[in-house]
Amino acid sequence: MGICAEWAASGWSDPEQWAFGFASAVAAGAQVRQGGDPMAKLDVDAIHAWPADHCRRRSENALSTALIRMVFAAIR
């Protein structure tokens, strides 16, 4: 998946599955390194809203960057 603008333009159906799979993989890696589930503090609505908000503000960024930032923001 490319930039945030492409994800937003797609209607977020199939790319949404990719996005949440990617975020899960990043979270699993963080969990192995640091322990605990970094996504445990986020509910479903927050997980949907975070990348949507990030991509609205920074449509030129890679979607993968937005998702990595979401996971690491949840760790703090």
PDB file of N, CA and C in Angstrom:
ATOM      1  N   MET A   1       0.863  -1.175   0.000  1.00  0.00           N
ATOM      2  CA  MET A   1       0.000   0.000   0.000  1.00  0.00           C
ATOM      3  C   MET A   1       0.899   1.223   0.000  1.00  0.00           C
ATOM      4  N   GLY A   2       0.479   2.216  -0.681  1.00  0.00           N
ATOM      5  CA  GLY A   2       1.291   3.407  -0.874  1.00  0.00           C
ATOM      6  C   GLY A   2       1.054   4.493   0.148  1.00  0.00           C
ATOM      7  N   ILE A   3       0.813   5.664  -0.374  1.00  0.00           N
ATOM      8  CA  ILE A   3       0.678   6.822   0.508  1.00  0.00           C
ATOM      9  C   ILE A   3      -0.722   6.898   1.111  1.00  0.00           C
ATOM     10  N   CYS A   4      -0.834   7.683   2.144  1.00  0.00           N
ATOM     11  CA  CYS A   4      -2.116   7.850   2.841  1.00  0.00           C
ATOM     12  C   CYS A   4      -3.235   8.282   1.896  1.00  0.00           C
ATOM     13  N   ALA A   5      -2.931   9.169   0.959  1.00  0.00           N
ATOM     14  CA  ALA A   5      -3.957   9.671   0.042  1.00  0.00           C
ATOM     15  C   ALA A   5      -4.565   8.528  -0.771  1.00  0.00           C
ATOM     16  N   GLU A   6      -3.756   7.567  -1.181  1.00  0.00           N
ATOM     17  CA  GLU A   6      -4.272   6.414  -1.935  1.00  0.00           C
ATOM     18  C   GLU A   6      -5.182   5.568  -1.061  1.00  0.00           C
ATOM     19  N   TRP A   7      -4.814   5.390   0.185  1.00  0.00           N
ATOM     20  CA  TRP A   7      -5.621   4.604   1.114  1.00  0.00           C
ATOM     21  C   TRP A   7      -6.967   5.271   1.336  1.00  0.00           C
ATOM     22  N   ALA A   8      -6.950   6.577   1.562  1.00  0.00           N
ATOM     23  CA  ALA A   8      -8.188   7.320   1.790  1.00  0.00           C
ATOM     24  C   ALA A   8      -9.081   7.288   0.555  1.00  0.00           C
ATOM     25  N   ALA A   9      -8.499   7.401  -0.624  1.00  0.00           N
ATOM     26  CA  ALA A   9      -9.268   7.416  -1.870  1.00  0.00           C
ATOM     27  C   ALA A   9      -9.883   6.053  -2.187  1.00  0.00           C
ATOM     28  N   SER A  10      -9.342   5.012  -1.623  1.00  0.00           N
ATOM     29  CA  SER A  10      -9.805   3.657  -1.947  1.00  0.00           C
ATOM     30  C   SER A  10     -11.123   3.306  -1.275  1.00  0.00           C
ATOM     31  N   GLY A  11     -11.547   4.088  -0.320  1.00  0.00           N
ATOM     32  CA  GLY A  11     -12.758   3.755   0.425  1.00  0.00           C
ATOM     33  C   GLY A  11     -12.465   2.899   1.646  1.00  0.00           C
ATOM     34  N   TRP A  12     -11.214   2.569   1.877  1.00  0.00           N
ATOM     35  CA  TRP A  12     -10.733   1.878   3.068  1.00  0.00           C
ATOM     36  C   TRP A  12     -11.345   0.509   3.294  1.00  0.00           C
ATOM     37  N   SER A  13     -11.710  -0.220   2.262  1.00  0.00           N
ATOM     38  CA  SER A  13     -12.255  -1.559   2.493  1.00  0.00           C
ATOM     39  C   SER A  13     -11.133  -2.587   2.448  1.00  0.00           C
ATOM     40  N   ASP A  14     -10.697  -3.008   1.260  1.00  0.00           N
ATOM     41  CA  ASP A  14      -9.604  -3.980   1.176  1.00  0.00           C
ATOM     42  C   ASP A  14      -8.312  -3.432   1.763  1.00  0.00           C
ATOM     43  N   PRO A  15      -7.936  -2.205   1.462  1.00  0.00           N
ATOM     44  CA  PRO A  15      -6.714  -1.686   2.075  1.00  0.00           C
ATOM     45  C   PRO A  15      -6.784  -1.633   3.605  1.00  0.00           C
ATOM     46  N   GLU A  16      -7.991  -1.530   4.152  1.00  0.00           N
ATOM     47  CA  GLU A  16      -8.120  -1.518   5.603  1.00  0.00           C
ATOM     48  C   GLU A  16      -7.651  -2.845   6.181  1.00  0.00           C
ATOM     49  N   GLN A  17      -7.966  -3.939   5.512  1.00  0.00           N
ATOM     50  CA  GLN A  17      -7.512  -5.249   5.980  1.00  0.00           C
ATOM     51  C   GLN A  17      -5.989  -5.310   5.990  1.00  0.00           C
ATOM     52  N   TRP A  18      -5.366  -4.807   4.926  1.00  0.00           N
ATOM     53  CA  TRP A  18      -3.907  -4.764   4.867  1.00  0.00           C
ATOM     54  C   TRP A  18      -3.366  -3.904   6.005  1.00  0.00           C
ATOM     55  N   ALA A  19      -3.974  -2.744   6.204  1.00  0.00           N
ATOM     56  CA  ALA A  19      -3.492  -1.798   7.208  1.00  0.00           C
ATOM     57  C   ALA A  19      -3.523  -2.406   8.603  1.00  0.00           C
ATOM     58  N   PHE A  20      -4.597  -3.072   8.958  1.00  0.00           N
ATOM     59  CA  PHE A  20      -4.686  -3.623  10.295  1.00  0.00           C
ATOM     60  C   PHE A  20      -3.825  -4.863  10.458  1.00  0.00           C
ATOM     61  N   GLY A  21      -3.607  -5.598   9.387  1.00  0.00           N
ATOM     62  CA  GLY A  21      -2.646  -6.701   9.428  1.00  0.00           C
ATOM     63  C   GLY A  21      -1.238  -6.180   9.645  1.00  0.00           C
ATOM     64  N   PHE A  22      -0.886  -5.110   8.945  1.00  0.00           N
ATOM     65  CA  PHE A  22       0.430  -4.495   9.082  1.00  0.00           C
ATOM     66  C   PHE A  22       0.626  -3.979  10.501  1.00  0.00           C
ATOM     67  N   ALA A  23      -0.363  -3.260  11.021  1.00  0.00           N
ATOM     68  CA  ALA A  23      -0.273  -2.719  12.379  1.00  0.00           C
ATOM     69  C   ALA A  23      -0.148  -3.845  13.401  1.00  0.00           C
ATOM     70  N   SER A  24      -0.841  -4.944  13.180  1.00  0.00           N
ATOM     71  CA  SER A  24      -0.743  -6.089  14.084  1.00  0.00           C
ATOM     72  C   SER A  24       0.665  -6.664  14.087  1.00  0.00           C
ATOM     73  N   ALA A  25       1.282  -6.730  12.917  1.00  0.00           N
ATOM     74  CA  ALA A  25       2.653  -7.241  12.831  1.00  0.00           C
ATOM     75  C   ALA A  25       3.628  -6.315  13.551  1.00  0.00           C
ATOM     76  N   VAL A  26       3.469  -5.012  13.381  1.00  0.00           N
ATOM     77  CA  VAL A  26       4.328  -4.050  14.083  1.00  0.00           C
ATOM     78  C   VAL A  26       4.126  -4.182  15.591  1.00  0.00           C
ATOM     79  N   ALA A  27       2.880  -4.307  16.020  1.00  0.00           N
ATOM     80  CA  ALA A  27       2.576  -4.446  17.448  1.00  0.00           C
ATOM     81  C   ALA A  27       3.166  -5.735  18.004  1.00  0.00           C
ATOM     82  N   ALA A  28       3.104  -6.817  17.239  1.00  0.00           N
ATOM     83  CA  ALA A  28       3.672  -8.089  17.688  1.00  0.00           C
ATOM     84  C   ALA A  28       5.181  -7.961  17.869  1.00  0.00           C
ATOM     85  N   GLY A  29       5.835  -7.280  16.942  1.00  0.00           N
ATOM     86  CA  GLY A  29       7.271  -7.058  17.068  1.00  0.00           C
ATOM     87  C   GLY A  29       7.606  -6.240  18.303  1.00  0.00           C
ATOM     88  N   ALA A  30       6.818  -5.211  18.564  1.00  0.00           N
ATOM     89  CA  ALA A  30       7.028  -4.381  19.753  1.00  0.00           C
ATOM     90  C   ALA A  30       6.775  -5.189  21.018  1.00  0.00           C
ATOM     91  N   GLN A  31       5.791  -6.054  20.969  1.00  0.00           N
ATOM     92  CA  GLN A  31       5.452  -6.876  22.126  1.00  0.00           C
ATOM     93  C   GLN A  31       6.600  -7.821  22.458  1.00  0.00           C
ATOM     94  N   VAL A  32       7.213  -8.403  21.451  1.00  0.00           N
ATOM     95  CA  VAL A  32       8.342  -9.313  21.671  1.00  0.00           C
ATOM     96  C   VAL A  32       9.513  -8.559  22.304  1.00  0.00           C
ATOM     97  N   ARG A  33       9.749  -7.357  21.820  1.00  0.00           N
ATOM     98  CA  ARG A  33      10.899  -6.576  22.322  1.00  0.00           C
ATOM     99  C   ARG A  33      10.650  -5.967  23.692  1.00  0.00           C
ATOM    100  N   GLN A  34       9.421  -5.502  23.947  1.00  0.00           N
ATOM    101  CA  GLN A  34       9.177  -4.719  25.159  1.00  0.00           C
ATOM    102  C   GLN A  34       8.211  -5.366  26.136  1.00  0.00           C
ATOM    103  N   GLY A  35       7.549  -6.419  25.714  1.00  0.00           N
ATOM    104  CA  GLY A  35       6.553  -7.056  26.575  1.00  0.00           C
ATOM    105  C   GLY A  35       5.255  -6.272  26.565  1.00  0.00           C
ATOM    106  N   GLY A  36       4.187  -6.926  26.891  1.00  0.00           N
ATOM    107  CA  GLY A  36       2.882  -6.272  26.907  1.00  0.00           C
ATOM    108  C   GLY A  36       2.371  -6.005  25.501  1.00  0.00           C
ATOM    109  N   ASP A  37       1.094  -5.821  25.392  1.00  0.00           N
ATOM    110  CA  ASP A  37       0.460  -5.555  24.098  1.00  0.00           C
ATOM    111  C   ASP A  37       0.322  -4.055  23.907  1.00  0.00           C
ATOM    112  N   PRO A  38       1.078  -3.464  22.966  1.00  0.00           N
ATOM    113  CA  PRO A  38       0.998  -2.018  22.787  1.00  0.00           C
ATOM    114  C   PRO A  38      -0.363  -1.531  22.311  1.00  0.00           C
ATOM    115  N   MET A  39      -1.139  -2.396  21.720  1.00  0.00           N
ATOM    116  CA  MET A  39      -2.448  -2.002  21.203  1.00  0.00           C
ATOM    117  C   MET A  39      -3.567  -2.189  22.227  1.00  0.00           C
ATOM    118  N   ALA A  40      -3.248  -2.738  23.392  1.00  0.00           N
ATOM    119  CA  ALA A  40      -4.274  -3.045  24.394  1.00  0.00           C
ATOM    120  C   ALA A  40      -5.029  -1.804  24.870  1.00  0.00           C
ATOM    121  N   LYS A  41      -4.375  -0.643  24.853  1.00  0.00           N
ATOM    122  CA  LYS A  41      -5.011   0.589  25.331  1.00  0.00           C
ATOM    123  C   LYS A  41      -5.977   1.186  24.309  1.00  0.00           C
ATOM    124  N   LEU A  42      -5.925   0.714  23.070  1.00  0.00           N
ATOM    125  CA  LEU A  42      -6.749   1.285  21.998  1.00  0.00           C
ATOM    126  C   LEU A  42      -7.969   0.418  21.751  1.00  0.00           C
ATOM    127  N   ASP A  43      -9.134   1.050  21.676  1.00  0.00           N
ATOM    128  CA  ASP A  43     -10.326   0.301  21.292  1.00  0.00           C
ATOM    129  C   ASP A  43     -10.465   0.351  19.767  1.00  0.00           C
ATOM    130  N   VAL A  44     -11.433  -0.346  19.246  1.00  0.00           N
ATOM    131  CA  VAL A  44     -11.613  -0.447  17.799  1.00  0.00           C
ATOM    132  C   VAL A  44     -11.784   0.931  17.157  1.00  0.00           C
ATOM    133  N   ASP A  45     -12.574   1.789  17.788  1.00  0.00           N
ATOM    134  CA  ASP A  45     -12.784   3.128  17.228  1.00  0.00           C
ATOM    135  C   ASP A  45     -11.487   3.924  17.169  1.00  0.00           C
ATOM    136  N   ALA A  46     -10.669   3.815  18.206  1.00  0.00           N
ATOM    137  CA  ALA A  46      -9.389   4.529  18.223  1.00  0.00           C
ATOM    138  C   ALA A  46      -8.449   3.991  17.147  1.00  0.00           C
ATOM    139  N   ILE A  47      -8.464   2.681  16.944  1.00  0.00           N
ATOM    140  CA  ILE A  47      -7.603   2.074  15.928  1.00  0.00           C
ATOM    141  C   ILE A  47      -8.030   2.525  14.535  1.00  0.00           C
ATOM    142  N   HIS A  48      -9.305   2.721  14.314  1.00  0.00           N
ATOM    143  CA  HIS A  48      -9.788   3.235  13.027  1.00  0.00           C
ATOM    144  C   HIS A  48      -9.482   4.727  12.890  1.00  0.00           C
ATOM    145  N   ALA A  49      -9.648   5.466  13.968  1.00  0.00           N
ATOM    146  CA  ALA A  49      -9.513   6.921  13.908  1.00  0.00           C
ATOM    147  C   ALA A  49      -8.066   7.389  13.780  1.00  0.00           C
ATOM    148  N   TRP A  50      -7.142   6.704  14.435  1.00  0.00           N
ATOM    149  CA  TRP A  50      -5.756   7.180  14.462  1.00  0.00           C
ATOM    150  C   TRP A  50      -5.157   7.300  13.066  1.00  0.00           C
ATOM    151  N   PRO A  51      -5.113   6.231  12.261  1.00  0.00           N
ATOM    152  CA  PRO A  51      -4.525   6.387  10.924  1.00  0.00           C
ATOM    153  C   PRO A  51      -5.355   7.301  10.024  1.00  0.00           C
ATOM    154  N   ALA A  52      -6.665   7.303  10.196  1.00  0.00           N
ATOM    155  CA  ALA A  52      -7.501   8.189   9.376  1.00  0.00           C
ATOM    156  C   ALA A  52      -7.149   9.640   9.644  1.00  0.00           C
ATOM    157  N   ASP A  53      -7.005   9.984  10.926  1.00  0.00           N
ATOM    158  CA  ASP A  53      -6.652  11.362  11.285  1.00  0.00           C
ATOM    159  C   ASP A  53      -5.243  11.704  10.796  1.00  0.00           C
ATOM    160  N   HIS A  54      -4.304  10.803  11.019  1.00  0.00           N
ATOM    161  CA  HIS A  54      -2.927  11.035  10.580  1.00  0.00           C
ATOM    162  C   HIS A  54      -2.873  11.232   9.066  1.00  0.00           C
ATOM    163  N   CYS A  55      -3.585  10.393   8.332  1.00  0.00           N
ATOM    164  CA  CYS A  55      -3.566  10.473   6.865  1.00  0.00           C
ATOM    165  C   CYS A  55      -4.280  11.722   6.353  1.00  0.00           C
ATOM    166  N   ARG A  56      -5.284  12.180   7.060  1.00  0.00           N
ATOM    167  CA  ARG A  56      -5.939  13.428   6.669  1.00  0.00           C
ATOM    168  C   ARG A  56      -4.970  14.604   6.791  1.00  0.00           C
ATOM    169  N   ARG A  57      -4.184  14.592   7.851  1.00  0.00           N
ATOM    170  CA  ARG A  57      -3.250  15.688   8.095  1.00  0.00           C
ATOM    171  C   ARG A  57      -1.976  15.578   7.264  1.00  0.00           C
ATOM    172  N   ARG A  58      -1.596  14.365   6.895  1.00  0.00           N
ATOM    173  CA  ARG A  58      -0.329  14.141   6.179  1.00  0.00           C
ATOM    174  C   ARG A  58      -0.544  13.164   5.025  1.00  0.00           C
ATOM    175  N   SER A  59      -1.342  13.561   4.070  1.00  0.00           N
ATOM    176  CA  SER A  59      -1.725  12.650   2.978  1.00  0.00           C
ATOM    177  C   SER A  59      -0.550  12.191   2.126  1.00  0.00           C
ATOM    178  N   GLU A  60       0.562  12.919   2.185  1.00  0.00           N
ATOM    179  CA  GLU A  60       1.721  12.538   1.385  1.00  0.00           C
ATOM    180  C   GLU A  60       2.566  11.457   2.057  1.00  0.00           C
ATOM    181  N   ASN A  61       2.332  11.166   3.337  1.00  0.00           N
ATOM    182  CA  ASN A  61       3.099  10.151   4.058  1.00  0.00           C
ATOM    183  C   ASN A  61       2.707   8.750   3.621  1.00  0.00           C
ATOM    184  N   ALA A  62       3.625   7.841   3.806  1.00  0.00           N
ATOM    185  CA  ALA A  62       3.323   6.424   3.555  1.00  0.00           C
ATOM    186  C   ALA A  62       2.357   5.935   4.631  1.00  0.00           C
ATOM    187  N   LEU A  63       1.401   5.127   4.237  1.00  0.00           N
ATOM    188  CA  LEU A  63       0.459   4.562   5.200  1.00  0.00           C
ATOM    189  C   LEU A  63       1.207   3.734   6.237  1.00  0.00           C
ATOM    190  N   SER A  64       2.227   3.015   5.813  1.00  0.00           N
ATOM    191  CA  SER A  64       2.994   2.206   6.766  1.00  0.00           C
ATOM    192  C   SER A  64       3.609   3.085   7.846  1.00  0.00           C
ATOM    193  N   THR A  65       4.051   4.271   7.503  1.00  0.00           N
ATOM    194  CA  THR A  65       4.609   5.199   8.487  1.00  0.00           C
ATOM    195  C   THR A  65       3.543   5.596   9.502  1.00  0.00           C
ATOM    196  N   ALA A  66       2.345   5.881   9.036  1.00  0.00           N
ATOM    197  CA  ALA A  66       1.245   6.244   9.938  1.00  0.00           C
ATOM    198  C   ALA A  66       0.941   5.110  10.909  1.00  0.00           C
ATOM    199  N   LEU A  67       0.949   3.892  10.414  1.00  0.00           N
ATOM    200  CA  LEU A  67       0.620   2.751  11.263  1.00  0.00           C
ATOM    201  C   LEU A  67       1.717   2.473  12.279  1.00  0.00           C
ATOM    202  N   ILE A  68       2.970   2.600  11.866  1.00  0.00           N
ATOM    203  CA  ILE A  68       4.080   2.421  12.809  1.00  0.00           C
ATOM    204  C   ILE A  68       4.002   3.482  13.898  1.00  0.00           C
ATOM    205  N   ARG A  69       3.710   4.712  13.518  1.00  0.00           N
ATOM    206  CA  ARG A  69       3.584   5.783  14.510  1.00  0.00           C
ATOM    207  C   ARG A  69       2.435   5.522  15.473  1.00  0.00           C
ATOM    208  N   MET A  70       1.340   4.962  14.976  1.00  0.00           N
ATOM    209  CA  MET A  70       0.204   4.639  15.841  1.00  0.00           C
ATOM    210  C   MET A  70       0.622   3.628  16.907  1.00  0.00           C
ATOM    211  N   VAL A  71       1.309   2.576  16.490  1.00  0.00           N
ATOM    212  CA  VAL A  71       1.718   1.544  17.444  1.00  0.00           C
ATOM    213  C   VAL A  71       2.680   2.125  18.473  1.00  0.00           C
ATOM    214  N   PHE A  72       3.675   2.864  18.019  1.00  0.00           N
ATOM    215  CA  PHE A  72       4.658   3.394  18.967  1.00  0.00           C
ATOM    216  C   PHE A  72       4.094   4.511  19.841  1.00  0.00           C
ATOM    217  N   ALA A  73       3.087   5.224  19.362  1.00  0.00           N
ATOM    218  CA  ALA A  73       2.414   6.209  20.214  1.00  0.00           C
ATOM    219  C   ALA A  73       1.640   5.510  21.311  1.00  0.00           C
ATOM    220  N   ALA A  74       1.104   4.334  21.029  1.00  0.00           N
ATOM    221  CA  ALA A  74       0.352   3.576  22.024  1.00  0.00           C
ATOM    222  C   ALA A  74       1.266   3.020  23.117  1.00  0.00           C
ATOM    223  N   ILE A  75       2.548   2.831  22.794  1.00  0.00           N
ATOM    224  CA  ILE A  75       3.499   2.297  23.779  1.00  0.00           C
ATOM    225  C   ILE A  75       3.784   3.325  24.869  1.00  0.00           C
ATOM    226  N   ARG A  76       3.793   4.581  24.505  1.00  0.00           N
ATOM    227  CA  ARG A  76       4.155   5.633  25.466  1.00  0.00           C
ATOM    228  C   ARG A  76       3.165   5.776  26.579  1.00  0.00           C
TER     229      ARG A  76
END
